[in-house]
Amino acid sequence: MTFNNAYDIFEAAEAGFGLAYLPEEMVRPWVLDGRLISVLEDWCPVWPGFHLYYPNRRQPSRAMTLLVEALRYRP
């Protein structure tokens, strides 16, 4: 089956149609309940976060500056 979004993939997996590649945060409650099981865990990459690539030598718009500041990592 082919789907255009993760929610349809999730519904198909929950209905028992087979394997699904979905974000862990999306399915964690169902995995903890045992309604879904995690497979191929050794092959699942760790998601370190978002990365934003943008030209920093140009004068950015105010919207771009606000987006960069909102997404900037602060420990």
PDB file of N, CA and C in Angstrom:
ATOM      1  N   MET A   1       0.837  -1.169   0.000  1.00  0.00           N
ATOM      2  CA  MET A   1       0.000   0.000   0.000  1.00  0.00           C
ATOM      3  C   MET A   1       0.883   1.233   0.000  1.00  0.00           C
ATOM      4  N   THR A   2       0.404   2.259  -0.632  1.00  0.00           N
ATOM      5  CA  THR A   2       1.126   3.523  -0.697  1.00  0.00           C
ATOM      6  C   THR A   2       0.221   4.618  -0.156  1.00  0.00           C
ATOM      7  N   PHE A   3       0.809   5.470   0.693  1.00  0.00           N
ATOM      8  CA  PHE A   3       0.040   6.550   1.309  1.00  0.00           C
ATOM      9  C   PHE A   3       0.780   7.865   1.143  1.00  0.00           C
ATOM     10  N   ASN A   4       0.052   8.952   1.302  1.00  0.00           N
ATOM     11  CA  ASN A   4       0.637  10.285   1.175  1.00  0.00           C
ATOM     12  C   ASN A   4       0.994  10.910   2.517  1.00  0.00           C
ATOM     13  N   ASN A   5       0.564  10.309   3.612  1.00  0.00           N
ATOM     14  CA  ASN A   5       0.888  10.920   4.897  1.00  0.00           C
ATOM     15  C   ASN A   5       1.043   9.853   5.976  1.00  0.00           C
ATOM     16  N   ALA A   6       1.684  10.249   7.046  1.00  0.00           N
ATOM     17  CA  ALA A   6       2.006   9.316   8.130  1.00  0.00           C
ATOM     18  C   ALA A   6       0.761   8.825   8.859  1.00  0.00           C
ATOM     19  N   TYR A   7      -0.270   9.625   8.909  1.00  0.00           N
ATOM     20  CA  TYR A   7      -1.471   9.218   9.642  1.00  0.00           C
ATOM     21  C   TYR A   7      -2.167   8.038   8.964  1.00  0.00           C
ATOM     22  N   ASP A   8      -2.187   8.041   7.634  1.00  0.00           N
ATOM     23  CA  ASP A   8      -2.765   6.900   6.913  1.00  0.00           C
ATOM     24  C   ASP A   8      -1.907   5.654   7.090  1.00  0.00           C
ATOM     25  N   ILE A   9      -0.584   5.831   7.085  1.00  0.00           N
ATOM     26  CA  ILE A   9       0.324   4.704   7.325  1.00  0.00           C
ATOM     27  C   ILE A   9       0.076   4.130   8.708  1.00  0.00           C
ATOM     28  N   PHE A  10      -0.064   5.005   9.689  1.00  0.00           N
ATOM     29  CA  PHE A  10      -0.320   4.579  11.056  1.00  0.00           C
ATOM     30  C   PHE A  10      -1.623   3.784  11.153  1.00  0.00           C
ATOM     31  N   GLU A  11      -2.677   4.286  10.540  1.00  0.00           N
ATOM     32  CA  GLU A  11      -3.966   3.594  10.589  1.00  0.00           C
ATOM     33  C   GLU A  11      -3.880   2.213   9.949  1.00  0.00           C
ATOM     34  N   ALA A  12      -3.147   2.096   8.850  1.00  0.00           N
ATOM     35  CA  ALA A  12      -2.994   0.799   8.186  1.00  0.00           C
ATOM     36  C   ALA A  12      -2.219  -0.171   9.078  1.00  0.00           C
ATOM     37  N   ALA A  13      -1.157   0.311   9.719  1.00  0.00           N
ATOM     38  CA  ALA A  13      -0.378  -0.548  10.625  1.00  0.00           C
ATOM     39  C   ALA A  13      -1.219  -0.980  11.813  1.00  0.00           C
ATOM     40  N   GLU A  14      -1.978  -0.063  12.356  1.00  0.00           N
ATOM     41  CA  GLU A  14      -2.834  -0.397  13.504  1.00  0.00           C
ATOM     42  C   GLU A  14      -3.904  -1.413  13.109  1.00  0.00           C
ATOM     43  N   ALA A  15      -4.355  -1.375  11.852  1.00  0.00           N
ATOM     44  CA  ALA A  15      -5.360  -2.321  11.372  1.00  0.00           C
ATOM     45  C   ALA A  15      -4.749  -3.669  10.998  1.00  0.00           C
ATOM     46  N   GLY A  16      -3.410  -3.764  11.070  1.00  0.00           N
ATOM     47  CA  GLY A  16      -2.768  -5.039  10.821  1.00  0.00           C
ATOM     48  C   GLY A  16      -2.325  -5.284   9.397  1.00  0.00           C
ATOM     49  N   PHE A  17      -2.149  -4.230   8.613  1.00  0.00           N
ATOM     50  CA  PHE A  17      -1.774  -4.397   7.211  1.00  0.00           C
ATOM     51  C   PHE A  17      -0.283  -4.614   6.986  1.00  0.00           C
ATOM     52  N   GLY A  18       0.529  -4.585   8.021  1.00  0.00           N
ATOM     53  CA  GLY A  18       1.952  -4.855   7.837  1.00  0.00           C
ATOM     54  C   GLY A  18       2.847  -3.854   8.522  1.00  0.00           C
ATOM     55  N   LEU A  19       4.084  -3.781   8.042  1.00  0.00           N
ATOM     56  CA  LEU A  19       5.087  -2.902   8.626  1.00  0.00           C
ATOM     57  C   LEU A  19       4.844  -1.453   8.231  1.00  0.00           C
ATOM     58  N   ALA A  20       5.277  -0.552   9.113  1.00  0.00           N
ATOM     59  CA  ALA A  20       5.149   0.876   8.839  1.00  0.00           C
ATOM     60  C   ALA A  20       6.397   1.581   9.353  1.00  0.00           C
ATOM     61  N   TYR A  21       6.879   2.537   8.602  1.00  0.00           N
ATOM     62  CA  TYR A  21       8.026   3.345   9.006  1.00  0.00           C
ATOM     63  C   TYR A  21       7.476   4.691   9.472  1.00  0.00           C
ATOM     64  N   LEU A  22       7.446   4.879  10.795  1.00  0.00           N
ATOM     65  CA  LEU A  22       6.824   6.060  11.380  1.00  0.00           C
ATOM     66  C   LEU A  22       7.698   6.647  12.479  1.00  0.00           C
ATOM     67  N   PRO A  23       7.530   7.938  12.787  1.00  0.00           N
ATOM     68  CA  PRO A  23       8.276   8.535  13.893  1.00  0.00           C
ATOM     69  C   PRO A  23       7.924   7.860  15.223  1.00  0.00           C
ATOM     70  N   GLU A  24       8.944   7.618  16.021  1.00  0.00           N
ATOM     71  CA  GLU A  24       8.743   6.928  17.297  1.00  0.00           C
ATOM     72  C   GLU A  24       7.779   7.677  18.204  1.00  0.00           C
ATOM     73  N   GLU A  25       7.877   8.999  18.221  1.00  0.00           N
ATOM     74  CA  GLU A  25       6.990   9.779  19.087  1.00  0.00           C
ATOM     75  C   GLU A  25       5.528   9.595  18.724  1.00  0.00           C
ATOM     76  N   MET A  26       5.272   9.335  17.478  1.00  0.00           N
ATOM     77  CA  MET A  26       3.893   9.182  17.005  1.00  0.00           C
ATOM     78  C   MET A  26       3.270   7.874  17.483  1.00  0.00           C
ATOM     79  N   VAL A  27       4.064   6.813  17.565  1.00  0.00           N
ATOM     80  CA  VAL A  27       3.515   5.493  17.874  1.00  0.00           C
ATOM     81  C   VAL A  27       3.864   4.994  19.278  1.00  0.00           C
ATOM     82  N   ARG A  28       4.628   5.772  20.045  1.00  0.00           N
ATOM     83  CA  ARG A  28       5.084   5.328  21.364  1.00  0.00           C
ATOM     84  C   ARG A  28       3.946   4.827  22.261  1.00  0.00           C
ATOM     85  N   PRO A  29       2.821   5.538  22.387  1.00  0.00           N
ATOM     86  CA  PRO A  29       1.748   5.021  23.253  1.00  0.00           C
ATOM     87  C   PRO A  29       1.226   3.659  22.808  1.00  0.00           C
ATOM     88  N   TRP A  30       1.142   3.429  21.516  1.00  0.00           N
ATOM     89  CA  TRP A  30       0.642   2.152  21.002  1.00  0.00           C
ATOM     90  C   TRP A  30       1.664   1.039  21.200  1.00  0.00           C
ATOM     91  N   VAL A  31       2.940   1.369  21.108  1.00  0.00           N
ATOM     92  CA  VAL A  31       3.986   0.375  21.362  1.00  0.00           C
ATOM     93  C   VAL A  31       4.011   0.013  22.843  1.00  0.00           C
ATOM     94  N   LEU A  32       3.881   1.013  23.709  1.00  0.00           N
ATOM     95  CA  LEU A  32       3.875   0.752  25.155  1.00  0.00           C
ATOM     96  C   LEU A  32       2.659  -0.074  25.573  1.00  0.00           C
ATOM     97  N   ASP A  33       1.527   0.136  24.911  1.00  0.00           N
ATOM     98  CA  ASP A  33       0.310  -0.644  25.193  1.00  0.00           C
ATOM     99  C   ASP A  33       0.370  -2.047  24.610  1.00  0.00           C
ATOM    100  N   GLY A  34       1.289  -2.275  23.676  1.00  0.00           N
ATOM    101  CA  GLY A  34       1.381  -3.580  23.030  1.00  0.00           C
ATOM    102  C   GLY A  34       0.506  -3.711  21.806  1.00  0.00           C
ATOM    103  N   ARG A  35      -0.158  -2.634  21.405  1.00  0.00           N
ATOM    104  CA  ARG A  35      -1.001  -2.686  20.213  1.00  0.00           C
ATOM    105  C   ARG A  35      -0.169  -2.690  18.939  1.00  0.00           C
ATOM    106  N   LEU A  36       1.044  -2.129  19.011  1.00  0.00           N
ATOM    107  CA  LEU A  36       2.011  -2.193  17.919  1.00  0.00           C
ATOM    108  C   LEU A  36       3.326  -2.688  18.507  1.00  0.00           C
ATOM    109  N   ILE A  37       4.150  -3.309  17.670  1.00  0.00           N
ATOM    110  CA  ILE A  37       5.460  -3.744  18.144  1.00  0.00           C
ATOM    111  C   ILE A  37       6.531  -3.081  17.279  1.00  0.00           C
ATOM    112  N   SER A  38       7.660  -2.840  17.886  1.00  0.00           N
ATOM    113  CA  SER A  38       8.785  -2.245  17.180  1.00  0.00           C
ATOM    114  C   SER A  38       9.656  -3.356  16.623  1.00  0.00           C
ATOM    115  N   VAL A  39      10.000  -3.249  15.354  1.00  0.00           N
ATOM    116  CA  VAL A  39      10.877  -4.224  14.707  1.00  0.00           C
ATOM    117  C   VAL A  39      12.061  -3.495  14.092  1.00  0.00           C
ATOM    118  N   LEU A  40      13.134  -4.230  13.833  1.00  0.00           N
ATOM    119  CA  LEU A  40      14.332  -3.688  13.196  1.00  0.00           C
ATOM    120  C   LEU A  40      14.915  -2.502  13.954  1.00  0.00           C
ATOM    121  N   GLU A  41      14.899  -2.576  15.288  1.00  0.00           N
ATOM    122  CA  GLU A  41      15.387  -1.460  16.092  1.00  0.00           C
ATOM    123  C   GLU A  41      16.849  -1.144  15.834  1.00  0.00           C
ATOM    124  N   ASP A  42      17.650  -2.166  15.490  1.00  0.00           N
ATOM    125  CA  ASP A  42      19.058  -1.914  15.194  1.00  0.00           C
ATOM    126  C   ASP A  42      19.239  -1.076  13.929  1.00  0.00           C
ATOM    127  N   TRP A  43      18.229  -1.018  13.101  1.00  0.00           N
ATOM    128  CA  TRP A  43      18.319  -0.286  11.845  1.00  0.00           C
ATOM    129  C   TRP A  43      17.612   1.063  11.896  1.00  0.00           C
ATOM    130  N   CYS A  44      17.086   1.428  13.038  1.00  0.00           N
ATOM    131  CA  CYS A  44      16.376   2.701  13.173  1.00  0.00           C
ATOM    132  C   CYS A  44      17.361   3.795  13.574  1.00  0.00           C
ATOM    133  N   PRO A  45      17.522   4.816  12.756  1.00  0.00           N
ATOM    134  CA  PRO A  45      18.470   5.880  13.095  1.00  0.00           C
ATOM    135  C   PRO A  45      17.956   6.739  14.238  1.00  0.00           C
ATOM    136  N   VAL A  46      18.895   7.276  14.992  1.00  0.00           N
ATOM    137  CA  VAL A  46      18.549   8.219  16.056  1.00  0.00           C
ATOM    138  C   VAL A  46      18.307   9.565  15.394  1.00  0.00           C
ATOM    139  N   TRP A  47      17.220  10.204  15.775  1.00  0.00           N
ATOM    140  CA  TRP A  47      16.876  11.491  15.198  1.00  0.00           C
ATOM    141  C   TRP A  47      17.472  12.591  16.069  1.00  0.00           C
ATOM    142  N   PRO A  48      18.573  13.220  15.616  1.00  0.00           N
ATOM    143  CA  PRO A  48      19.233  14.209  16.457  1.00  0.00           C
ATOM    144  C   PRO A  48      18.524  15.554  16.500  1.00  0.00           C
ATOM    145  N   GLY A  49      17.581  15.772  15.637  1.00  0.00           N
ATOM    146  CA  GLY A  49      16.860  17.051  15.610  1.00  0.00           C
ATOM    147  C   GLY A  49      16.812  17.607  14.206  1.00  0.00           C
ATOM    148  N   PHE A  50      16.302  18.800  14.109  1.00  0.00           N
ATOM    149  CA  PHE A  50      16.170  19.459  12.825  1.00  0.00           C
ATOM    150  C   PHE A  50      17.449  20.213  12.482  1.00  0.00           C
ATOM    151  N   HIS A  51      17.694  20.363  11.197  1.00  0.00           N
ATOM    152  CA  HIS A  51      18.811  21.156  10.712  1.00  0.00           C
ATOM    153  C   HIS A  51      18.257  22.143   9.702  1.00  0.00           C
ATOM    154  N   LEU A  52      18.721  23.358   9.786  1.00  0.00           N
ATOM    155  CA  LEU A  52      18.265  24.399   8.874  1.00  0.00           C
ATOM    156  C   LEU A  52      19.478  24.960   8.147  1.00  0.00           C
ATOM    157  N   TYR A  53      19.477  24.866   6.843  1.00  0.00           N
ATOM    158  CA  TYR A  53      20.544  25.411   6.021  1.00  0.00           C
ATOM    159  C   TYR A  53      20.004  26.648   5.320  1.00  0.00           C
ATOM    160  N   TYR A  54      20.710  27.745   5.474  1.00  0.00           N
ATOM    161  CA  TYR A  54      20.262  28.985   4.871  1.00  0.00           C
ATOM    162  C   TYR A  54      21.484  29.853   4.570  1.00  0.00           C
ATOM    163  N   PRO A  55      21.377  30.743   3.605  1.00  0.00           N
ATOM    164  CA  PRO A  55      22.507  31.623   3.299  1.00  0.00           C
ATOM    165  C   PRO A  55      22.641  32.683   4.388  1.00  0.00           C
ATOM    166  N   ASN A  56      23.737  32.659   5.113  1.00  0.00           N
ATOM    167  CA  ASN A  56      23.873  33.595   6.233  1.00  0.00           C
ATOM    168  C   ASN A  56      24.609  34.872   5.836  1.00  0.00           C
ATOM    169  N   ARG A  57      25.007  35.003   4.574  1.00  0.00           N
ATOM    170  CA  ARG A  57      25.721  36.204   4.144  1.00  0.00           C
ATOM    171  C   ARG A  57      24.788  37.246   3.525  1.00  0.00           C
ATOM    172  N   ARG A  58      23.549  36.883   3.336  1.00  0.00           N
ATOM    173  CA  ARG A  58      22.562  37.841   2.821  1.00  0.00           C
ATOM    174  C   ARG A  58      21.818  38.460   3.994  1.00  0.00           C
ATOM    175  N   GLN A  59      21.183  39.568   3.732  1.00  0.00           N
ATOM    176  CA  GLN A  59      20.353  40.199   4.759  1.00  0.00           C
ATOM    177  C   GLN A  59      19.049  39.401   4.855  1.00  0.00           C
ATOM    178  N   PRO A  60      18.833  38.649   5.954  1.00  0.00           N
ATOM    179  CA  PRO A  60      17.617  37.826   6.045  1.00  0.00           C
ATOM    180  C   PRO A  60      16.386  38.683   6.331  1.00  0.00           C
ATOM    181  N   SER A  61      15.250  38.157   5.925  1.00  0.00           N
ATOM    182  CA  SER A  61      14.000  38.841   6.244  1.00  0.00           C
ATOM    183  C   SER A  61      13.720  38.693   7.734  1.00  0.00           C
ATOM    184  N   ARG A  62      12.826  39.477   8.245  1.00  0.00           N
ATOM    185  CA  ARG A  62      12.466  39.390   9.670  1.00  0.00           C
ATOM    186  C   ARG A  62      11.859  38.022   9.979  1.00  0.00           C
ATOM    187  N   ALA A  63      11.064  37.498   9.063  1.00  0.00           N
ATOM    188  CA  ALA A  63      10.455  36.176   9.263  1.00  0.00           C
ATOM    189  C   ALA A  63      11.527  35.090   9.351  1.00  0.00           C
ATOM    190  N   MET A  64      12.545  35.175   8.491  1.00  0.00           N
ATOM    191  CA  MET A  64      13.617  34.180   8.518  1.00  0.00           C
ATOM    192  C   MET A  64      14.410  34.279   9.817  1.00  0.00           C
ATOM    193  N   THR A  65      14.692  35.492  10.259  1.00  0.00           N
ATOM    194  CA  THR A  65      15.412  35.691  11.514  1.00  0.00           C
ATOM    195  C   THR A  65      14.629  35.100  12.687  1.00  0.00           C
ATOM    196  N   LEU A  66      13.339  35.315  12.726  1.00  0.00           N
ATOM    197  CA  LEU A  66      12.502  34.765  13.802  1.00  0.00           C
ATOM    198  C   LEU A  66      12.479  33.242  13.756  1.00  0.00           C
ATOM    199  N   LEU A  67      12.422  32.667  12.559  1.00  0.00           N
ATOM    200  CA  LEU A  67      12.430  31.204  12.425  1.00  0.00           C
ATOM    201  C   LEU A  67      13.746  30.627  12.914  1.00  0.00           C
ATOM    202  N   VAL A  68      14.863  31.221  12.505  1.00  0.00           N
ATOM    203  CA  VAL A  68      16.176  30.741  12.935  1.00  0.00           C
ATOM    204  C   VAL A  68      16.293  30.818  14.453  1.00  0.00           C
ATOM    205  N   GLU A  69      15.867  31.899  15.040  1.00  0.00           N
ATOM    206  CA  GLU A  69      15.939  32.037  16.497  1.00  0.00           C
ATOM    207  C   GLU A  69      15.049  31.026  17.215  1.00  0.00           C
ATOM    208  N   ALA A  70      13.883  30.739  16.659  1.00  0.00           N
ATOM    209  CA  ALA A  70      12.964  29.788  17.280  1.00  0.00           C
ATOM    210  C   ALA A  70      13.509  28.368  17.223  1.00  0.00           C
ATOM    211  N   LEU A  71      14.231  28.033  16.153  1.00  0.00           N
ATOM    212  CA  LEU A  71      14.744  26.675  15.990  1.00  0.00           C
ATOM    213  C   LEU A  71      16.144  26.468  16.554  1.00  0.00           C
ATOM    214  N   ARG A  72      16.804  27.537  16.935  1.00  0.00           N
ATOM    215  CA  ARG A  72      18.184  27.435  17.428  1.00  0.00           C
ATOM    216  C   ARG A  72      18.242  26.600  18.693  1.00  0.00           C
ATOM    217  N   TYR A  73      19.222  25.704  18.742  1.00  0.00           N
ATOM    218  CA  TYR A  73      19.399  24.798  19.903  1.00  0.00           C
ATOM    219  C   TYR A  73      19.994  25.583  21.062  1.00  0.00           C
ATOM    220  N   ARG A  74      19.362  25.471  22.211  1.00  0.00           N
ATOM    221  CA  ARG A  74      19.868  26.091  23.434  1.00  0.00           C
ATOM    222  C   ARG A  74      19.838  25.059  24.546  1.00  0.00           C
ATOM    223  N   PRO A  75      21.023  24.581  24.973  1.00  0.00           N
ATOM    224  CA  PRO A  75      21.040  23.547  26.029  1.00  0.00           C
ATOM    225  C   PRO A  75      20.565  24.049  27.376  1.00  0.00           C
TER     226      PRO A  75
END
